Amino acid sequence: MLAATCTTIALFPQVIKIHKTGHTRDLSLPMWIIFSTGILLWLIYGIIIRNLPIICANAITLLSCAYILIMMVKNRGKP
């Protein structure tokens, strides 16, 4: 449970920084796509085995990833 908590809240500082500054230019889009895919697969696995901690942790993490990805695409090409 502690591991799930740590990995889930680990993205919050990045989300907050992007929300405040609007800057995503130094982030790697391929890395975030691969990471998000991994989180999605963990979420699917959690659903298949009906494990609520895995489902909750990965759903929250996937929302954070989705926000970051949306902001990266939205800010693409901006200086």
PDB file of N, CA and C in Angstrom:
ATOM      1  N   MET A   1       0.829  -1.196   0.000  1.00  0.00           N
ATOM      2  CA  MET A   1       0.000   0.000   0.000  1.00  0.00           C
ATOM      3  C   MET A   1       0.873   1.260   0.000  1.00  0.00           C
ATOM      4  N   LEU A   2       1.973   1.206   0.735  1.00  0.00           N
ATOM      5  CA  LEU A   2       2.874   2.360   0.776  1.00  0.00           C
ATOM      6  C   LEU A   2       3.488   2.616  -0.599  1.00  0.00           C
ATOM      7  N   ALA A   3       3.851   1.552  -1.299  1.00  0.00           N
ATOM      8  CA  ALA A   3       4.419   1.700  -2.644  1.00  0.00           C
ATOM      9  C   ALA A   3       3.406   2.345  -3.586  1.00  0.00           C
ATOM     10  N   ALA A   4       2.162   1.910  -3.524  1.00  0.00           N
ATOM     11  CA  ALA A   4       1.113   2.479  -4.373  1.00  0.00           C
ATOM     12  C   ALA A   4       0.906   3.958  -4.058  1.00  0.00           C
ATOM     13  N   THR A   5       0.940   4.305  -2.792  1.00  0.00           N
ATOM     14  CA  THR A   5       0.779   5.697  -2.387  1.00  0.00           C
ATOM     15  C   THR A   5       1.923   6.556  -2.918  1.00  0.00           C
ATOM     16  N   CYS A   6       3.142   6.068  -2.769  1.00  0.00           N
ATOM     17  CA  CYS A   6       4.310   6.834  -3.229  1.00  0.00           C
ATOM     18  C   CYS A   6       4.287   7.049  -4.736  1.00  0.00           C
ATOM     19  N   THR A   7       4.019   5.993  -5.489  1.00  0.00           N
ATOM     20  CA  THR A   7       4.031   6.134  -6.944  1.00  0.00           C
ATOM     21  C   THR A   7       2.852   6.963  -7.441  1.00  0.00           C
ATOM     22  N   THR A   8       1.768   6.951  -6.718  1.00  0.00           N
ATOM     23  CA  THR A   8       0.599   7.738  -7.111  1.00  0.00           C
ATOM     24  C   THR A   8       0.834   9.226  -6.878  1.00  0.00           C
ATOM     25  N   ILE A   9       1.358   9.592  -5.723  1.00  0.00           N
ATOM     26  CA  ILE A   9       1.560  11.013  -5.421  1.00  0.00           C
ATOM     27  C   ILE A   9       2.841  11.571  -6.035  1.00  0.00           C
ATOM     28  N   ALA A  10       3.693  10.710  -6.576  1.00  0.00           N
ATOM     29  CA  ALA A  10       4.960  11.171  -7.151  1.00  0.00           C
ATOM     30  C   ALA A  10       4.752  12.155  -8.300  1.00  0.00           C
ATOM     31  N   LEU A  11       3.661  12.027  -9.035  1.00  0.00           N
ATOM     32  CA  LEU A  11       3.422  12.914 -10.176  1.00  0.00           C
ATOM     33  C   LEU A  11       2.788  14.242  -9.785  1.00  0.00           C
ATOM     34  N   PHE A  12       2.259  14.350  -8.598  1.00  0.00           N
ATOM     35  CA  PHE A  12       1.565  15.568  -8.191  1.00  0.00           C
ATOM     36  C   PHE A  12       2.429  16.824  -8.299  1.00  0.00           C
ATOM     37  N   PRO A  13       3.708  16.800  -7.857  1.00  0.00           N
ATOM     38  CA  PRO A  13       4.520  18.016  -8.018  1.00  0.00           C
ATOM     39  C   PRO A  13       4.679  18.435  -9.478  1.00  0.00           C
ATOM     40  N   GLN A  14       4.819  17.455 -10.380  1.00  0.00           N
ATOM     41  CA  GLN A  14       4.938  17.778 -11.809  1.00  0.00           C
ATOM     42  C   GLN A  14       3.640  18.370 -12.335  1.00  0.00           C
ATOM     43  N   VAL A  15       2.514  17.793 -11.952  1.00  0.00           N
ATOM     44  CA  VAL A  15       1.213  18.302 -12.377  1.00  0.00           C
ATOM     45  C   VAL A  15       1.017  19.732 -11.879  1.00  0.00           C
ATOM     46  N   ILE A  16       1.343  19.973 -10.637  1.00  0.00           N
ATOM     47  CA  ILE A  16       1.192  21.311 -10.053  1.00  0.00           C
ATOM     48  C   ILE A  16       2.090  22.315 -10.774  1.00  0.00           C
ATOM     49  N   LYS A  17       3.337  21.922 -11.046  1.00  0.00           N
ATOM     50  CA  LYS A  17       4.256  22.831 -11.733  1.00  0.00           C
ATOM     51  C   LYS A  17       3.756  23.162 -13.138  1.00  0.00           C
ATOM     52  N   ILE A  18       3.283  22.151 -13.866  1.00  0.00           N
ATOM     53  CA  ILE A  18       2.752  22.397 -15.206  1.00  0.00           C
ATOM     54  C   ILE A  18       1.515  23.292 -15.132  1.00  0.00           C
ATOM     55  N   HIS A  19       0.671  23.039 -14.151  1.00  0.00           N
ATOM     56  CA  HIS A  19      -0.546  23.846 -14.001  1.00  0.00           C
ATOM     57  C   HIS A  19      -0.199  25.307 -13.717  1.00  0.00           C
ATOM     58  N   LYS A  20       0.800  25.547 -12.879  1.00  0.00           N
ATOM     59  CA  LYS A  20       1.183  26.912 -12.521  1.00  0.00           C
ATOM     60  C   LYS A  20       1.911  27.631 -13.653  1.00  0.00           C
ATOM     61  N   THR A  21       2.841  26.921 -14.308  1.00  0.00           N
ATOM     62  CA  THR A  21       3.689  27.582 -15.306  1.00  0.00           C
ATOM     63  C   THR A  21       3.191  27.407 -16.737  1.00  0.00           C
ATOM     64  N   GLY A  22       2.494  26.316 -16.995  1.00  0.00           N
ATOM     65  CA  GLY A  22       2.051  26.020 -18.354  1.00  0.00           C
ATOM     66  C   GLY A  22       3.167  25.494 -19.247  1.00  0.00           C
ATOM     67  N   HIS A  23       4.351  25.296 -18.694  1.00  0.00           N
ATOM     68  CA  HIS A  23       5.505  24.862 -19.479  1.00  0.00           C
ATOM     69  C   HIS A  23       5.677  23.343 -19.439  1.00  0.00           C
ATOM     70  N   THR A  24       5.830  22.766 -20.609  1.00  0.00           N
ATOM     71  CA  THR A  24       6.081  21.324 -20.725  1.00  0.00           C
ATOM     72  C   THR A  24       7.210  21.037 -21.707  1.00  0.00           C
ATOM     73  N   ARG A  25       7.888  22.063 -22.176  1.00  0.00           N
ATOM     74  CA  ARG A  25       8.858  21.912 -23.260  1.00  0.00           C
ATOM     75  C   ARG A  25      10.031  20.996 -22.926  1.00  0.00           C
ATOM     76  N   ASP A  26      10.369  20.837 -21.667  1.00  0.00           N
ATOM     77  CA  ASP A  26      11.506  19.999 -21.297  1.00  0.00           C
ATOM     78  C   ASP A  26      11.120  18.547 -21.029  1.00  0.00           C
ATOM     79  N   LEU A  27       9.856  18.220 -21.191  1.00  0.00           N
ATOM     80  CA  LEU A  27       9.402  16.853 -20.947  1.00  0.00           C
ATOM     81  C   LEU A  27       9.466  16.041 -22.235  1.00  0.00           C
ATOM     82  N   SER A  28       9.717  14.754 -22.092  1.00  0.00           N
ATOM     83  CA  SER A  28       9.819  13.860 -23.243  1.00  0.00           C
ATOM     84  C   SER A  28       8.464  13.221 -23.529  1.00  0.00           C
ATOM     85  N   LEU A  29       7.880  13.554 -24.678  1.00  0.00           N
ATOM     86  CA  LEU A  29       6.583  12.997 -25.053  1.00  0.00           C
ATOM     87  C   LEU A  29       6.625  11.467 -25.175  1.00  0.00           C
ATOM     88  N   PRO A  30       7.634  10.889 -25.839  1.00  0.00           N
ATOM     89  CA  PRO A  30       7.667   9.425 -25.906  1.00  0.00           C
ATOM     90  C   PRO A  30       7.720   8.761 -24.525  1.00  0.00           C
ATOM     91  N   MET A  31       8.480   9.343 -23.602  1.00  0.00           N
ATOM     92  CA  MET A  31       8.557   8.777 -22.245  1.00  0.00           C
ATOM     93  C   MET A  31       7.190   8.783 -21.584  1.00  0.00           C
ATOM     94  N   TRP A  32       6.460   9.886 -21.698  1.00  0.00           N
ATOM     95  CA  TRP A  32       5.153   9.994 -21.062  1.00  0.00           C
ATOM     96  C   TRP A  32       4.124   9.080 -21.714  1.00  0.00           C
ATOM     97  N   ILE A  33       4.242   8.859 -23.018  1.00  0.00           N
ATOM     98  CA  ILE A  33       3.340   7.925 -23.693  1.00  0.00           C
ATOM     99  C   ILE A  33       3.603   6.503 -23.217  1.00  0.00           C
ATOM    100  N   ILE A  34       4.876   6.120 -23.158  1.00  0.00           N
ATOM    101  CA  ILE A  34       5.231   4.779 -22.691  1.00  0.00           C
ATOM    102  C   ILE A  34       4.821   4.582 -21.239  1.00  0.00           C
ATOM    103  N   PHE A  35       5.100   5.574 -20.389  1.00  0.00           N
ATOM    104  CA  PHE A  35       4.744   5.488 -18.974  1.00  0.00           C
ATOM    105  C   PHE A  35       3.234   5.365 -18.797  1.00  0.00           C
ATOM    106  N   SER A  36       2.487   6.177 -19.527  1.00  0.00           N
ATOM    107  CA  SER A  36       1.020   6.143 -19.447  1.00  0.00           C
ATOM    108  C   SER A  36       0.472   4.792 -19.917  1.00  0.00           C
ATOM    109  N   THR A  37       1.070   4.233 -20.947  1.00  0.00           N
ATOM    110  CA  THR A  37       0.659   2.918 -21.421  1.00  0.00           C
ATOM    111  C   THR A  37       0.882   1.867 -20.341  1.00  0.00           C
ATOM    112  N   GLY A  38       2.015   1.930 -19.672  1.00  0.00           N
ATOM    113  CA  GLY A  38       2.287   1.009 -18.574  1.00  0.00           C
ATOM    114  C   GLY A  38       1.281   1.145 -17.445  1.00  0.00           C
ATOM    115  N   ILE A  39       0.944   2.366 -17.099  1.00  0.00           N
ATOM    116  CA  ILE A  39      -0.042   2.611 -16.047  1.00  0.00           C
ATOM    117  C   ILE A  39      -1.406   2.081 -16.464  1.00  0.00           C
ATOM    118  N   LEU A  40      -1.775   2.297 -17.726  1.00  0.00           N
ATOM    119  CA  LEU A  40      -3.046   1.776 -18.240  1.00  0.00           C
ATOM    120  C   LEU A  40      -3.082   0.248 -18.149  1.00  0.00           C
ATOM    121  N   LEU A  41      -1.986  -0.393 -18.501  1.00  0.00           N
ATOM    122  CA  LEU A  41      -1.927  -1.855 -18.416  1.00  0.00           C
ATOM    123  C   LEU A  41      -2.038  -2.346 -16.968  1.00  0.00           C
ATOM    124  N   TRP A  42      -1.405  -1.631 -16.034  1.00  0.00           N
ATOM    125  CA  TRP A  42      -1.557  -1.974 -14.613  1.00  0.00           C
ATOM    126  C   TRP A  42      -3.005  -1.808 -14.164  1.00  0.00           C
ATOM    127  N   LEU A  43      -3.660  -0.759 -14.647  1.00  0.00           N
ATOM    128  CA  LEU A  43      -5.057  -0.531 -14.307  1.00  0.00           C
ATOM    129  C   LEU A  43      -5.926  -1.678 -14.833  1.00  0.00           C
ATOM    130  N   ILE A  44      -5.699  -2.070 -16.063  1.00  0.00           N
ATOM    131  CA  ILE A  44      -6.450  -3.193 -16.639  1.00  0.00           C
ATOM    132  C   ILE A  44      -6.205  -4.470 -15.838  1.00  0.00           C
ATOM    133  N   TYR A  45      -4.957  -4.702 -15.486  1.00  0.00           N
ATOM    134  CA  TYR A  45      -4.620  -5.874 -14.661  1.00  0.00           C
ATOM    135  C   TYR A  45      -5.372  -5.833 -13.327  1.00  0.00           C
ATOM    136  N   GLY A  46      -5.367  -4.667 -12.680  1.00  0.00           N
ATOM    137  CA  GLY A  46      -6.077  -4.517 -11.410  1.00  0.00           C
ATOM    138  C   GLY A  46      -7.563  -4.804 -11.551  1.00  0.00           C
ATOM    139  N   ILE A  47      -8.141  -4.367 -12.652  1.00  0.00           N
ATOM    140  CA  ILE A  47      -9.560  -4.627 -12.904  1.00  0.00           C
ATOM    141  C   ILE A  47      -9.793  -6.126 -13.105  1.00  0.00           C
ATOM    142  N   ILE A  48      -8.919  -6.758 -13.868  1.00  0.00           N
ATOM    143  CA  ILE A  48      -9.065  -8.195 -14.137  1.00  0.00           C
ATOM    144  C   ILE A  48      -9.007  -9.008 -12.846  1.00  0.00           C
ATOM    145  N   ILE A  49      -8.062  -8.665 -11.963  1.00  0.00           N
ATOM    146  CA  ILE A  49      -7.935  -9.441 -10.720  1.00  0.00           C
ATOM    147  C   ILE A  49      -8.779  -8.863  -9.580  1.00  0.00           C
ATOM    148  N   ARG A  50      -9.491  -7.785  -9.893  1.00  0.00           N
ATOM    149  CA  ARG A  50     -10.382  -7.128  -8.923  1.00  0.00           C
ATOM    150  C   ARG A  50      -9.656  -6.721  -7.636  1.00  0.00           C
ATOM    151  N   ASN A  51      -8.538  -6.012  -7.814  1.00  0.00           N
ATOM    152  CA  ASN A  51      -7.730  -5.553  -6.686  1.00  0.00           C
ATOM    153  C   ASN A  51      -7.899  -4.042  -6.566  1.00  0.00           C
ATOM    154  N   LEU A  52      -8.674  -3.612  -5.572  1.00  0.00           N
ATOM    155  CA  LEU A  52      -9.021  -2.200  -5.421  1.00  0.00           C
ATOM    156  C   LEU A  52      -7.808  -1.278  -5.247  1.00  0.00           C
ATOM    157  N   PRO A  53      -6.795  -1.625  -4.443  1.00  0.00           N
ATOM    158  CA  PRO A  53      -5.636  -0.724  -4.342  1.00  0.00           C
ATOM    159  C   PRO A  53      -4.919  -0.515  -5.684  1.00  0.00           C
ATOM    160  N   ILE A  54      -4.774  -1.571  -6.472  1.00  0.00           N
ATOM    161  CA  ILE A  54      -4.135  -1.438  -7.779  1.00  0.00           C
ATOM    162  C   ILE A  54      -5.006  -0.581  -8.699  1.00  0.00           C
ATOM    163  N   ILE A  55      -6.296  -0.804  -8.657  1.00  0.00           N
ATOM    164  CA  ILE A  55      -7.223  -0.032  -9.494  1.00  0.00           C
ATOM    165  C   ILE A  55      -7.169   1.450  -9.122  1.00  0.00           C
ATOM    166  N   CYS A  56      -7.308   1.759  -7.850  1.00  0.00           N
ATOM    167  CA  CYS A  56      -7.341   3.159  -7.409  1.00  0.00           C
ATOM    168  C   CYS A  56      -6.028   3.874  -7.685  1.00  0.00           C
ATOM    169  N   ALA A  57      -4.921   3.240  -7.316  1.00  0.00           N
ATOM    170  CA  ALA A  57      -3.614   3.878  -7.501  1.00  0.00           C
ATOM    171  C   ALA A  57      -3.354   4.169  -8.977  1.00  0.00           C
ATOM    172  N   ASN A  58      -3.639   3.219  -9.822  1.00  0.00           N
ATOM    173  CA  ASN A  58      -3.345   3.413 -11.239  1.00  0.00           C
ATOM    174  C   ASN A  58      -4.354   4.308 -11.932  1.00  0.00           C
ATOM    175  N   ALA A  59      -5.583   4.333 -11.472  1.00  0.00           N
ATOM    176  CA  ALA A  59      -6.568   5.260 -12.039  1.00  0.00           C
ATOM    177  C   ALA A  59      -6.161   6.703 -11.742  1.00  0.00           C
ATOM    178  N   ILE A  60      -5.755   6.965 -10.511  1.00  0.00           N
ATOM    179  CA  ILE A  60      -5.321   8.321 -10.140  1.00  0.00           C
ATOM    180  C   ILE A  60      -4.061   8.698 -10.897  1.00  0.00           C
ATOM    181  N   THR A  61      -3.108   7.775 -10.989  1.00  0.00           N
ATOM    182  CA  THR A  61      -1.867   8.042 -11.711  1.00  0.00           C
ATOM    183  C   THR A  61      -2.149   8.281 -13.188  1.00  0.00           C
ATOM    184  N   LEU A  62      -3.061   7.502 -13.763  1.00  0.00           N
ATOM    185  CA  LEU A  62      -3.402   7.672 -15.174  1.00  0.00           C
ATOM    186  C   LEU A  62      -4.046   9.039 -15.425  1.00  0.00           C
ATOM    187  N   LEU A  63      -4.840   9.517 -14.495  1.00  0.00           N
ATOM    188  CA  LEU A  63      -5.420  10.864 -14.633  1.00  0.00           C
ATOM    189  C   LEU A  63      -4.325  11.933 -14.642  1.00  0.00           C
ATOM    190  N   SER A  64      -3.344  11.773 -13.763  1.00  0.00           N
ATOM    191  CA  SER A  64      -2.218  12.710 -13.733  1.00  0.00           C
ATOM    192  C   SER A  64      -1.453  12.666 -15.045  1.00  0.00           C
ATOM    193  N   CYS A  65      -1.195  11.454 -15.542  1.00  0.00           N
ATOM    194  CA  CYS A  65      -0.492  11.295 -16.819  1.00  0.00           C
ATOM    195  C   CYS A  65      -1.288  11.914 -17.957  1.00  0.00           C
ATOM    196  N   ALA A  66      -2.582  11.701 -17.952  1.00  0.00           N
ATOM    197  CA  ALA A  66      -3.428  12.243 -19.006  1.00  0.00           C
ATOM    198  C   ALA A  66      -3.356  13.773 -19.009  1.00  0.00           C
ATOM    199  N   TYR A  67      -3.395  14.374 -17.832  1.00  0.00           N
ATOM    200  CA  TYR A  67      -3.292  15.832 -17.746  1.00  0.00           C
ATOM    201  C   TYR A  67      -1.964  16.307 -18.330  1.00  0.00           C
ATOM    202  N   ILE A  68      -0.876  15.641 -17.947  1.00  0.00           N
ATOM    203  CA  ILE A  68       0.445  16.021 -18.439  1.00  0.00           C
ATOM    204  C   ILE A  68       0.506  15.863 -19.958  1.00  0.00           C
ATOM    205  N   LEU A  69       0.019  14.750 -20.475  1.00  0.00           N
ATOM    206  CA  LEU A  69       0.031  14.524 -21.923  1.00  0.00           C
ATOM    207  C   LEU A  69      -0.811  15.559 -22.670  1.00  0.00           C
ATOM    208  N   ILE A  70      -1.970  15.861 -22.149  1.00  0.00           N
ATOM    209  CA  ILE A  70      -2.834  16.873 -22.776  1.00  0.00           C
ATOM    210  C   ILE A  70      -2.117  18.224 -22.813  1.00  0.00           C
ATOM    211  N   MET A  71      -1.486  18.589 -21.723  1.00  0.00           N
ATOM    212  CA  MET A  71      -0.768  19.866 -21.682  1.00  0.00           C
ATOM    213  C   MET A  71       0.426  19.858 -22.628  1.00  0.00           C
ATOM    214  N   MET A  72       1.093  18.714 -22.753  1.00  0.00           N
ATOM    215  CA  MET A  72       2.234  18.625 -23.668  1.00  0.00           C
ATOM    216  C   MET A  72       1.773  18.823 -25.119  1.00  0.00           C
ATOM    217  N   VAL A  73       0.694  18.184 -25.494  1.00  0.00           N
ATOM    218  CA  VAL A  73       0.181  18.318 -26.858  1.00  0.00           C
ATOM    219  C   VAL A  73      -0.347  19.728 -27.091  1.00  0.00           C
ATOM    220  N   LYS A  74      -1.032  20.261 -26.103  1.00  0.00           N
ATOM    221  CA  LYS A  74      -1.577  21.624 -26.210  1.00  0.00           C
ATOM    222  C   LYS A  74      -0.459  22.660 -26.362  1.00  0.00           C
ATOM    223  N   ASN A  75       0.641  22.461 -25.672  1.00  0.00           N
ATOM    224  CA  ASN A  75       1.747  23.431 -25.692  1.00  0.00           C
ATOM    225  C   ASN A  75       2.793  23.126 -26.747  1.00  0.00           C
ATOM    226  N   ARG A  76       2.542  22.130 -27.575  1.00  0.00           N
ATOM    227  CA  ARG A  76       3.502  21.741 -28.598  1.00  0.00           C
ATOM    228  C   ARG A  76       3.806  22.916 -29.530  1.00  0.00           C
ATOM    229  N   GLY A  77       5.074  23.167 -29.735  1.00  0.00           N
ATOM    230  CA  GLY A  77       5.479  24.240 -30.640  1.00  0.00           C
ATOM    231  C   GLY A  77       5.544  25.603 -30.003  1.00  0.00           C
ATOM    232  N   LYS A  78       5.085  25.738 -28.774  1.00  0.00           N
ATOM    233  CA  LYS A  78       5.186  27.025 -28.089  1.00  0.00           C
ATOM    234  C   LYS A  78       6.606  27.191 -27.557  1.00  0.00           C
ATOM    235  N   PRO A  79       7.114  28.411 -27.585  1.00  0.00           N
ATOM    236  CA  PRO A  79       8.489  28.647 -27.082  1.00  0.00           C
ATOM    237  C   PRO A  79       8.605  28.472 -25.595  1.00  0.00           C
TER     238      PRO A  79
END
